């Protein structure tokens, strides 16, 4: 492996081991700093800004974010290889934040992992230039891409960005990726109606190569982080969808002809 790959630097805020989400099998998830969207429900608000921030949790102030090299991350990833083998198909997932906003680091890390024989996945908003995305795709086994809404104005209202670029990129990624899985966070007042989910599922189906759609129920797990960052959590009054509601929406996905899943 070329030494230059190992020396490529990036900015992360966490590495989570032994996860059974964000990709098949047991995953090691690398959370990158920086994101172009500001989703109202974001459970990792400390990921949004590129710069380091102080966050207060449990009365303790900690600095969020650290600069690392690909080599340093790979040392942690390598320790988990035995768990990948035991799970049958585990590996590394880049999450965030948005890995597409650190393309040099993400490309180098994904490429290095593949050279080590480690399965790779990215969790992405898809909000970037397609040329950037194409740099990563040869080294990615599974693309987990959020399609939050098909209505551009509604998307912008809740995330601060229009979705035209995202939907167009999804069409291209579906043609070029090894595997594309569409994921939709189910957010009350935003996209939790049967009509909303049907529209997203029909879009995913129209991509031609997508077989799976994961519905991720809204939760408040990260709400205390906003206070710790000195921000206001505007979704505090929103109740998470019930299990019955999620099952109803799951059946909508399945009727469209996709393999549905709650969580992912």
C-alpha atoms as a PDB file:
ATOM      1  CA  UNK A   1       0.000   0.000   0.000  1.00  0.00           C
ATOM      2  CA  UNK A   2       1.393   3.399  -0.955  1.00  0.00           C
ATOM      3  CA  UNK A   3       2.560   5.420   2.031  1.00  0.00           C
ATOM      4  CA  UNK A   4       0.846   8.530   0.623  1.00  0.00           C
ATOM      5  CA  UNK A   5      -2.572   6.931   1.163  1.00  0.00           C
ATOM      6  CA  UNK A   6      -1.811   6.331   4.807  1.00  0.00           C
ATOM      7  CA  UNK A   7      -0.745   9.923   5.370  1.00  0.00           C
ATOM      8  CA  UNK A   8      -3.907  11.505   3.903  1.00  0.00           C
ATOM      9  CA  UNK A   9      -5.599  13.526   6.636  1.00  0.00           C
ATOM     10  CA  UNK A  10      -9.267  13.965   7.482  1.00  0.00           C
ATOM     11  CA  UNK A  11     -11.439  15.293  10.276  1.00  0.00           C
ATOM     12  CA  UNK A  12     -13.697  12.957  12.253  1.00  0.00           C
ATOM     13  CA  UNK A  13     -15.639  13.132  15.505  1.00  0.00           C
ATOM     14  CA  UNK A  14     -16.135   9.472  16.364  1.00  0.00           C
ATOM     15  CA  UNK A  15     -15.368   5.869  15.465  1.00  0.00           C
ATOM     16  CA  UNK A  16     -18.087   3.464  16.559  1.00  0.00           C
ATOM     17  CA  UNK A  17     -17.236  -0.231  16.754  1.00  0.00           C
ATOM     18  CA  UNK A  18     -19.479  -3.320  16.757  1.00  0.00           C
ATOM     19  CA  UNK A  19     -22.457  -1.640  15.073  1.00  0.00           C
ATOM     20  CA  UNK A  20     -25.109  -3.785  13.377  1.00  0.00           C
ATOM     21  CA  UNK A  21     -26.483  -0.800  11.483  1.00  0.00           C
ATOM     22  CA  UNK A  22     -25.305   1.210   8.469  1.00  0.00           C
ATOM     23  CA  UNK A  23     -24.344  -1.740   6.321  1.00  0.00           C
ATOM     24  CA  UNK A  24     -24.388  -5.547   6.332  1.00  0.00           C
ATOM     25  CA  UNK A  25     -22.873  -7.516   9.201  1.00  0.00           C
ATOM     26  CA  UNK A  26     -20.871  -6.018  12.057  1.00  0.00           C
ATOM     27  CA  UNK A  27     -19.650  -2.536  11.105  1.00  0.00           C
ATOM     28  CA  UNK A  28     -17.004  -0.113  12.255  1.00  0.00           C
ATOM     29  CA  UNK A  29     -18.440   3.330  11.522  1.00  0.00           C
ATOM     30  CA  UNK A  30     -16.207   6.330  10.942  1.00  0.00           C
ATOM     31  CA  UNK A  31     -18.096   9.591  11.512  1.00  0.00           C
ATOM     32  CA  UNK A  32     -16.705  12.498   9.484  1.00  0.00           C
ATOM     33  CA  UNK A  33     -17.106  16.198  10.227  1.00  0.00           C
ATOM     34  CA  UNK A  34     -18.896  18.594   7.893  1.00  0.00           C
ATOM     35  CA  UNK A  35     -22.271  18.430   6.147  1.00  0.00           C
ATOM     36  CA  UNK A  36     -24.022  20.631   3.564  1.00  0.00           C
ATOM     37  CA  UNK A  37     -27.499  19.958   4.980  1.00  0.00           C
ATOM     38  CA  UNK A  38     -29.065  21.144   8.212  1.00  0.00           C
ATOM     39  CA  UNK A  39     -31.842  18.611   8.727  1.00  0.00           C
ATOM     40  CA  UNK A  40     -34.099  19.680  11.584  1.00  0.00           C
ATOM     41  CA  UNK A  41     -34.057  16.177  13.080  1.00  0.00           C
ATOM     42  CA  UNK A  42     -30.293  15.546  12.780  1.00  0.00           C
ATOM     43  CA  UNK A  43     -29.152  13.285  15.621  1.00  0.00           C
ATOM     44  CA  UNK A  44     -25.492  14.212  15.139  1.00  0.00           C
ATOM     45  CA  UNK A  45     -25.519  18.033  15.164  1.00  0.00           C
ATOM     46  CA  UNK A  46     -21.860  17.984  16.194  1.00  0.00           C
ATOM     47  CA  UNK A  47     -21.141  16.618  12.709  1.00  0.00           C
ATOM     48  CA  UNK A  48     -22.530  19.581  10.800  1.00  0.00           C
ATOM     49  CA  UNK A  49     -19.779  22.169  11.160  1.00  0.00           C
ATOM     50  CA  UNK A  50     -16.281  21.584   9.821  1.00  0.00           C
ATOM     51  CA  UNK A  51     -14.624  23.486  12.651  1.00  0.00           C
ATOM     52  CA  UNK A  52     -14.066  22.065  16.114  1.00  0.00           C
ATOM     53  CA  UNK A  53     -16.781  22.839  18.682  1.00  0.00           C
ATOM     54  CA  UNK A  54     -17.134  22.596  22.436  1.00  0.00           C
ATOM     55  CA  UNK A  55     -20.047  20.432  23.588  1.00  0.00           C
ATOM     56  CA  UNK A  56     -21.198  20.119  27.191  1.00  0.00           C
ATOM     57  CA  UNK A  57     -22.505  16.700  28.238  1.00  0.00           C
ATOM     58  CA  UNK A  58     -23.077  15.610  31.810  1.00  0.00           C
ATOM     59  CA  UNK A  59     -21.474  18.808  33.034  1.00  0.00           C
ATOM     60  CA  UNK A  60     -18.260  18.028  31.174  1.00  0.00           C
ATOM     61  CA  UNK A  61     -17.045  20.146  28.267  1.00  0.00           C
ATOM     62  CA  UNK A  62     -15.327  18.287  25.466  1.00  0.00           C
ATOM     63  CA  UNK A  63     -13.918  19.343  22.119  1.00  0.00           C
ATOM     64  CA  UNK A  64     -15.778  17.692  19.242  1.00  0.00           C
ATOM     65  CA  UNK A  65     -13.581  16.579  16.366  1.00  0.00           C
ATOM     66  CA  UNK A  66     -10.041  15.422  15.743  1.00  0.00           C
ATOM     67  CA  UNK A  67      -7.718  15.289  12.774  1.00  0.00           C
ATOM     68  CA  UNK A  68      -6.495  11.819  11.826  1.00  0.00           C
ATOM     69  CA  UNK A  69      -4.619  10.097   9.036  1.00  0.00           C
ATOM     70  CA  UNK A  70      -5.885   7.174   6.997  1.00  0.00           C
ATOM     71  CA  UNK A  71      -3.213   5.044   8.645  1.00  0.00           C
ATOM     72  CA  UNK A  72      -4.460   5.888  12.126  1.00  0.00           C
ATOM     73  CA  UNK A  73      -8.034   4.975  11.228  1.00  0.00           C
ATOM     74  CA  UNK A  74      -6.937   1.734   9.579  1.00  0.00           C
ATOM     75  CA  UNK A  75      -5.196   0.672  12.788  1.00  0.00           C
ATOM     76  CA  UNK A  76      -8.574   0.761  14.545  1.00  0.00           C
ATOM     77  CA  UNK A  77     -10.392  -0.868  11.636  1.00  0.00           C
ATOM     78  CA  UNK A  78      -7.868  -3.712  11.480  1.00  0.00           C
ATOM     79  CA  UNK A  79      -8.612  -4.696  15.091  1.00  0.00           C
ATOM     80  CA  UNK A  80     -12.195  -5.496  14.100  1.00  0.00           C
ATOM     81  CA  UNK A  81     -11.450  -7.783  11.141  1.00  0.00           C
ATOM     82  CA  UNK A  82     -12.070 -10.897  13.220  1.00  0.00           C
ATOM     83  CA  UNK A  83     -15.610  -9.656  13.984  1.00  0.00           C
ATOM     84  CA  UNK A  84     -16.276  -8.990  10.308  1.00  0.00           C
ATOM     85  CA  UNK A  85     -15.388 -12.601   9.510  1.00  0.00           C
ATOM     86  CA  UNK A  86     -17.515 -13.959  12.338  1.00  0.00           C
ATOM     87  CA  UNK A  87     -20.560 -11.951  11.222  1.00  0.00           C
ATOM     88  CA  UNK A  88     -20.196 -13.295   7.705  1.00  0.00           C
ATOM     89  CA  UNK A  89     -20.049  -9.921   6.017  1.00  0.00           C
ATOM     90  CA  UNK A  90     -18.966  -6.972   8.093  1.00  0.00           C
ATOM     91  CA  UNK A  91     -16.753  -4.015   7.320  1.00  0.00           C
ATOM     92  CA  UNK A  92     -16.195  -0.268   7.469  1.00  0.00           C
ATOM     93  CA  UNK A  93     -18.855   2.388   6.895  1.00  0.00           C
ATOM     94  CA  UNK A  94     -18.184   6.090   6.386  1.00  0.00           C
ATOM     95  CA  UNK A  95     -20.900   8.241   7.928  1.00  0.00           C
ATOM     96  CA  UNK A  96     -21.132  11.740   9.295  1.00  0.00           C
ATOM     97  CA  UNK A  97     -21.648  14.421   8.615  1.00  0.00           C
ATOM     98  CA  UNK A  98     -21.114  13.803   4.932  1.00  0.00           C
ATOM     99  CA  UNK A  99     -18.127  11.846   3.620  1.00  0.00           C
ATOM    100  CA  UNK A 100     -18.513  13.417   0.171  1.00  0.00           C
ATOM    101  CA  UNK A 101     -17.394  16.739   1.685  1.00  0.00           C
ATOM    102  CA  UNK A 102     -13.979  15.244   2.488  1.00  0.00           C
ATOM    103  CA  UNK A 103     -13.375  13.496  -0.863  1.00  0.00           C
ATOM    104  CA  UNK A 104      -9.579  13.151  -0.650  1.00  0.00           C
ATOM    105  CA  UNK A 105      -9.684  11.560   2.793  1.00  0.00           C
ATOM    106  CA  UNK A 106     -12.747   9.413   2.019  1.00  0.00           C
ATOM    107  CA  UNK A 107     -11.303   8.140  -1.257  1.00  0.00           C
ATOM    108  CA  UNK A 108      -7.972   7.276   0.341  1.00  0.00           C
ATOM    109  CA  UNK A 109      -9.585   5.565   3.330  1.00  0.00           C
ATOM    110  CA  UNK A 110     -11.992   3.532   1.205  1.00  0.00           C
ATOM    111  CA  UNK A 111      -9.260   2.530  -1.220  1.00  0.00           C
ATOM    112  CA  UNK A 112      -6.931   1.501   1.583  1.00  0.00           C
ATOM    113  CA  UNK A 113      -9.672  -0.556   3.246  1.00  0.00           C
ATOM    114  CA  UNK A 114     -10.416  -2.354  -0.008  1.00  0.00           C
ATOM    115  CA  UNK A 115      -6.723  -3.133  -0.454  1.00  0.00           C
ATOM    116  CA  UNK A 116      -6.858  -4.763   2.997  1.00  0.00           C
ATOM    117  CA  UNK A 117      -9.817  -6.889   1.872  1.00  0.00           C
ATOM    118  CA  UNK A 118     -12.318  -5.035   4.054  1.00  0.00           C
ATOM    119  CA  UNK A 119     -15.878  -4.505   2.813  1.00  0.00           C
ATOM    120  CA  UNK A 120     -16.880  -0.850   2.542  1.00  0.00           C
ATOM    121  CA  UNK A 121     -20.040   1.224   2.672  1.00  0.00           C
ATOM    122  CA  UNK A 122     -20.910   4.897   2.750  1.00  0.00           C
ATOM    123  CA  UNK A 123     -23.929   6.560   4.288  1.00  0.00           C
ATOM    124  CA  UNK A 124     -24.601   9.704   2.257  1.00  0.00           C
ATOM    125  CA  UNK A 125     -27.007  12.518   1.474  1.00  0.00           C
ATOM    126  CA  UNK A 126     -25.792  12.412  -2.116  1.00  0.00           C
ATOM    127  CA  UNK A 127     -25.377  16.188  -2.065  1.00  0.00           C
ATOM    128  CA  UNK A 128     -22.160  16.763  -4.018  1.00  0.00           C
ATOM    129  CA  UNK A 129     -20.954  17.036  -7.578  1.00  0.00           C
ATOM    130  CA  UNK A 130     -21.197  13.713  -9.412  1.00  0.00           C
ATOM    131  CA  UNK A 131     -17.497  13.899 -10.290  1.00  0.00           C
ATOM    132  CA  UNK A 132     -16.735  13.748  -6.563  1.00  0.00           C
ATOM    133  CA  UNK A 133     -19.035  10.778  -6.054  1.00  0.00           C
ATOM    134  CA  UNK A 134     -17.422   8.923  -8.961  1.00  0.00           C
ATOM    135  CA  UNK A 135     -14.055   9.161  -7.218  1.00  0.00           C
ATOM    136  CA  UNK A 136     -15.383   7.046  -4.343  1.00  0.00           C
ATOM    137  CA  UNK A 137     -17.645   4.551  -6.120  1.00  0.00           C
ATOM    138  CA  UNK A 138     -14.923   2.118  -7.294  1.00  0.00           C
ATOM    139  CA  UNK A 139     -14.014   1.484  -3.647  1.00  0.00           C
ATOM    140  CA  UNK A 140     -17.538   1.227  -2.218  1.00  0.00           C
ATOM    141  CA  UNK A 141     -19.444  -2.046  -1.954  1.00  0.00           C
ATOM    142  CA  UNK A 142     -22.701  -0.532  -0.674  1.00  0.00           C
ATOM    143  CA  UNK A 143     -24.070   2.990  -1.010  1.00  0.00           C
ATOM    144  CA  UNK A 144     -26.673   3.801   1.645  1.00  0.00           C
ATOM    145  CA  UNK A 145     -28.307   6.941   0.279  1.00  0.00           C
ATOM    146  CA  UNK A 146     -30.957   9.059   1.962  1.00  0.00           C
ATOM    147  CA  UNK A 147     -33.922  10.054  -0.162  1.00  0.00           C
ATOM    148  CA  UNK A 148     -35.856  12.203   2.271  1.00  0.00           C
ATOM    149  CA  UNK A 149     -38.565  13.637   0.010  1.00  0.00           C
ATOM    150  CA  UNK A 150     -39.376  13.991  -3.671  1.00  0.00           C
ATOM    151  CA  UNK A 151     -40.823  17.496  -3.261  1.00  0.00           C
ATOM    152  CA  UNK A 152     -38.048  20.054  -3.616  1.00  0.00           C
ATOM    153  CA  UNK A 153     -39.673  22.863  -1.631  1.00  0.00           C
ATOM    154  CA  UNK A 154     -40.571  20.604   1.279  1.00  0.00           C
ATOM    155  CA  UNK A 155     -37.062  19.187   1.239  1.00  0.00           C
ATOM    156  CA  UNK A 156     -35.543  22.665   1.371  1.00  0.00           C
ATOM    157  CA  UNK A 157     -37.888  23.754   4.170  1.00  0.00           C
ATOM    158  CA  UNK A 158     -36.685  20.956   6.479  1.00  0.00           C
ATOM    159  CA  UNK A 159     -33.047  20.545   5.362  1.00  0.00           C
ATOM    160  CA  UNK A 160     -32.098  24.029   3.968  1.00  0.00           C
ATOM    161  CA  UNK A 161     -31.269  22.505   0.565  1.00  0.00           C
ATOM    162  CA  UNK A 162     -33.291  21.719  -2.547  1.00  0.00           C
ATOM    163  CA  UNK A 163     -33.222  18.062  -3.600  1.00  0.00           C
ATOM    164  CA  UNK A 164     -32.740  18.430  -7.378  1.00  0.00           C
ATOM    165  CA  UNK A 165     -29.024  17.568  -7.200  1.00  0.00           C
ATOM    166  CA  UNK A 166     -29.726  14.655  -4.850  1.00  0.00           C
ATOM    167  CA  UNK A 167     -32.347  13.064  -7.085  1.00  0.00           C
ATOM    168  CA  UNK A 168     -30.242  13.473 -10.216  1.00  0.00           C
ATOM    169  CA  UNK A 169     -27.228  11.990  -8.455  1.00  0.00           C
ATOM    170  CA  UNK A 170     -29.357   9.064  -7.309  1.00  0.00           C
ATOM    171  CA  UNK A 171     -30.148   8.295 -10.937  1.00  0.00           C
ATOM    172  CA  UNK A 172     -26.458   8.227 -11.801  1.00  0.00           C
ATOM    173  CA  UNK A 173     -25.377   6.334  -8.689  1.00  0.00           C
ATOM    174  CA  UNK A 174     -27.987   3.660  -9.443  1.00  0.00           C
ATOM    175  CA  UNK A 175     -26.284   3.085 -12.803  1.00  0.00           C
ATOM    176  CA  UNK A 176     -22.702   3.110 -11.540  1.00  0.00           C
ATOM    177  CA  UNK A 177     -22.634   1.814  -7.952  1.00  0.00           C
ATOM    178  CA  UNK A 178     -22.055  -1.804  -6.980  1.00  0.00           C
ATOM    179  CA  UNK A 179     -25.148  -1.672  -4.770  1.00  0.00           C
ATOM    180  CA  UNK A 180     -27.474   1.216  -3.916  1.00  0.00           C
ATOM    181  CA  UNK A 181     -29.862   1.020  -0.968  1.00  0.00           C
ATOM    182  CA  UNK A 182     -32.344   3.867  -0.502  1.00  0.00           C
ATOM    183  CA  UNK A 183     -32.967   4.963   3.069  1.00  0.00           C
ATOM    184  CA  UNK A 184     -35.691   7.325   4.254  1.00  0.00           C
ATOM    185  CA  UNK A 185     -35.836   8.857   7.734  1.00  0.00           C
ATOM    186  CA  UNK A 186     -39.534   8.896   8.625  1.00  0.00           C
ATOM    187  CA  UNK A 187     -40.178  12.322  10.121  1.00  0.00           C
ATOM    188  CA  UNK A 188     -43.660  13.365  11.366  1.00  0.00           C
ATOM    189  CA  UNK A 189     -44.878  16.634   9.763  1.00  0.00           C
ATOM    190  CA  UNK A 190     -42.338  16.132   6.957  1.00  0.00           C
ATOM    191  CA  UNK A 191     -42.716  12.803   5.147  1.00  0.00           C
ATOM    192  CA  UNK A 192     -44.661  10.338   7.289  1.00  0.00           C
ATOM    193  CA  UNK A 193     -47.821   9.978   5.181  1.00  0.00           C
ATOM    194  CA  UNK A 194     -48.521   6.965   2.995  1.00  0.00           C
ATOM    195  CA  UNK A 195     -48.486   9.280  -0.007  1.00  0.00           C
ATOM    196  CA  UNK A 196     -45.051  10.661   0.898  1.00  0.00           C
ATOM    197  CA  UNK A 197     -43.520   7.217   1.337  1.00  0.00           C
ATOM    198  CA  UNK A 198     -45.187   5.864  -1.806  1.00  0.00           C
ATOM    199  CA  UNK A 199     -43.714   8.704  -3.865  1.00  0.00           C
ATOM    200  CA  UNK A 200     -40.222   8.025  -2.520  1.00  0.00           C
ATOM    201  CA  UNK A 201     -40.601   4.264  -3.040  1.00  0.00           C
ATOM    202  CA  UNK A 202     -41.793   4.786  -6.603  1.00  0.00           C
ATOM    203  CA  UNK A 203     -38.793   7.010  -7.286  1.00  0.00           C
ATOM    204  CA  UNK A 204     -36.466   4.373  -5.833  1.00  0.00           C
ATOM    205  CA  UNK A 205     -38.149   1.672  -7.931  1.00  0.00           C
ATOM    206  CA  UNK A 206     -37.773   3.804 -11.059  1.00  0.00           C
ATOM    207  CA  UNK A 207     -33.978   3.822 -10.620  1.00  0.00           C
ATOM    208  CA  UNK A 208     -33.969   0.276 -11.965  1.00  0.00           C
ATOM    209  CA  UNK A 209     -31.218  -1.270  -9.851  1.00  0.00           C
ATOM    210  CA  UNK A 210     -32.533  -0.495  -6.348  1.00  0.00           C
ATOM    211  CA  UNK A 211     -33.993  -3.523  -4.590  1.00  0.00           C
ATOM    212  CA  UNK A 212     -34.164  -2.337  -0.965  1.00  0.00           C
ATOM    213  CA  UNK A 213     -35.637   0.644   0.869  1.00  0.00           C
ATOM    214  CA  UNK A 214     -35.051   1.151   4.573  1.00  0.00           C
ATOM    215  CA  UNK A 215     -37.392   3.244   6.722  1.00  0.00           C
ATOM    216  CA  UNK A 216     -35.635   4.874   9.667  1.00  0.00           C
ATOM    217  CA  UNK A 217     -38.112   5.994  12.352  1.00  0.00           C
ATOM    218  CA  UNK A 218     -37.593   9.440  13.841  1.00  0.00           C
ATOM    219  CA  UNK A 219     -36.207   9.501  17.388  1.00  0.00           C
ATOM    220  CA  UNK A 220     -34.954  12.087  19.874  1.00  0.00           C
ATOM    221  CA  UNK A 221     -31.765  10.302  20.885  1.00  0.00           C
ATOM    222  CA  UNK A 222     -29.506  13.192  19.918  1.00  0.00           C
ATOM    223  CA  UNK A 223     -31.705  16.006  21.237  1.00  0.00           C
ATOM    224  CA  UNK A 224     -29.540  16.706  24.316  1.00  0.00           C
ATOM    225  CA  UNK A 225     -26.571  17.418  22.064  1.00  0.00           C
ATOM    226  CA  UNK A 226     -28.216  20.617  20.831  1.00  0.00           C
ATOM    227  CA  UNK A 227     -28.275  22.082  24.322  1.00  0.00           C
ATOM    228  CA  UNK A 228     -24.679  20.995  24.788  1.00  0.00           C
ATOM    229  CA  UNK A 229     -23.753  22.926  21.653  1.00  0.00           C
ATOM    230  CA  UNK A 230     -25.819  25.949  22.663  1.00  0.00           C
ATOM    231  CA  UNK A 231     -28.393  25.371  19.926  1.00  0.00           C
ATOM    232  CA  UNK A 232     -32.163  25.008  19.944  1.00  0.00           C
ATOM    233  CA  UNK A 233     -33.692  21.657  19.024  1.00  0.00           C
ATOM    234  CA  UNK A 234     -36.801  22.661  17.060  1.00  0.00           C
ATOM    235  CA  UNK A 235     -38.209  19.116  16.843  1.00  0.00           C
ATOM    236  CA  UNK A 236     -38.633  18.649  20.603  1.00  0.00           C
ATOM    237  CA  UNK A 237     -42.426  18.687  20.358  1.00  0.00           C
ATOM    238  CA  UNK A 238     -42.571  15.979  17.670  1.00  0.00           C
ATOM    239  CA  UNK A 239     -43.581  12.498  18.794  1.00  0.00           C
ATOM    240  CA  UNK A 240     -41.805   9.516  17.163  1.00  0.00           C
ATOM    241  CA  UNK A 241     -43.977   7.374  14.844  1.00  0.00           C
ATOM    242  CA  UNK A 242     -45.636   4.369  16.442  1.00  0.00           C
ATOM    243  CA  UNK A 243     -44.715   0.798  15.540  1.00  0.00           C
ATOM    244  CA  UNK A 244     -48.134   0.460  13.924  1.00  0.00           C
ATOM    245  CA  UNK A 245     -47.487   3.520  11.777  1.00  0.00           C
ATOM    246  CA  UNK A 246     -44.122   2.186  10.680  1.00  0.00           C
ATOM    247  CA  UNK A 247     -45.638  -1.164   9.743  1.00  0.00           C
ATOM    248  CA  UNK A 248     -48.239   0.612   7.634  1.00  0.00           C
ATOM    249  CA  UNK A 249     -45.538   2.584   5.813  1.00  0.00           C
ATOM    250  CA  UNK A 250     -43.481  -0.572   5.368  1.00  0.00           C
ATOM    251  CA  UNK A 251     -46.401  -2.216   3.603  1.00  0.00           C
ATOM    252  CA  UNK A 252     -46.549   0.770   1.239  1.00  0.00           C
ATOM    253  CA  UNK A 253     -42.915   0.181   0.266  1.00  0.00           C
ATOM    254  CA  UNK A 254     -43.522  -3.521  -0.289  1.00  0.00           C
ATOM    255  CA  UNK A 255     -46.589  -2.890  -2.447  1.00  0.00           C
ATOM    256  CA  UNK A 256     -44.427  -0.768  -4.743  1.00  0.00           C
ATOM    257  CA  UNK A 257     -42.249  -3.834  -5.255  1.00  0.00           C
ATOM    258  CA  UNK A 258     -39.207  -3.150  -3.076  1.00  0.00           C
ATOM    259  CA  UNK A 259     -37.825  -5.172  -0.186  1.00  0.00           C
ATOM    260  CA  UNK A 260     -38.681  -3.020   2.803  1.00  0.00           C
ATOM    261  CA  UNK A 261     -37.021  -2.819   6.193  1.00  0.00           C
ATOM    262  CA  UNK A 262     -37.585  -0.783   9.338  1.00  0.00           C
ATOM    263  CA  UNK A 263     -34.224   0.483  10.552  1.00  0.00           C
ATOM    264  CA  UNK A 264     -30.962  -0.196   8.804  1.00  0.00           C
END
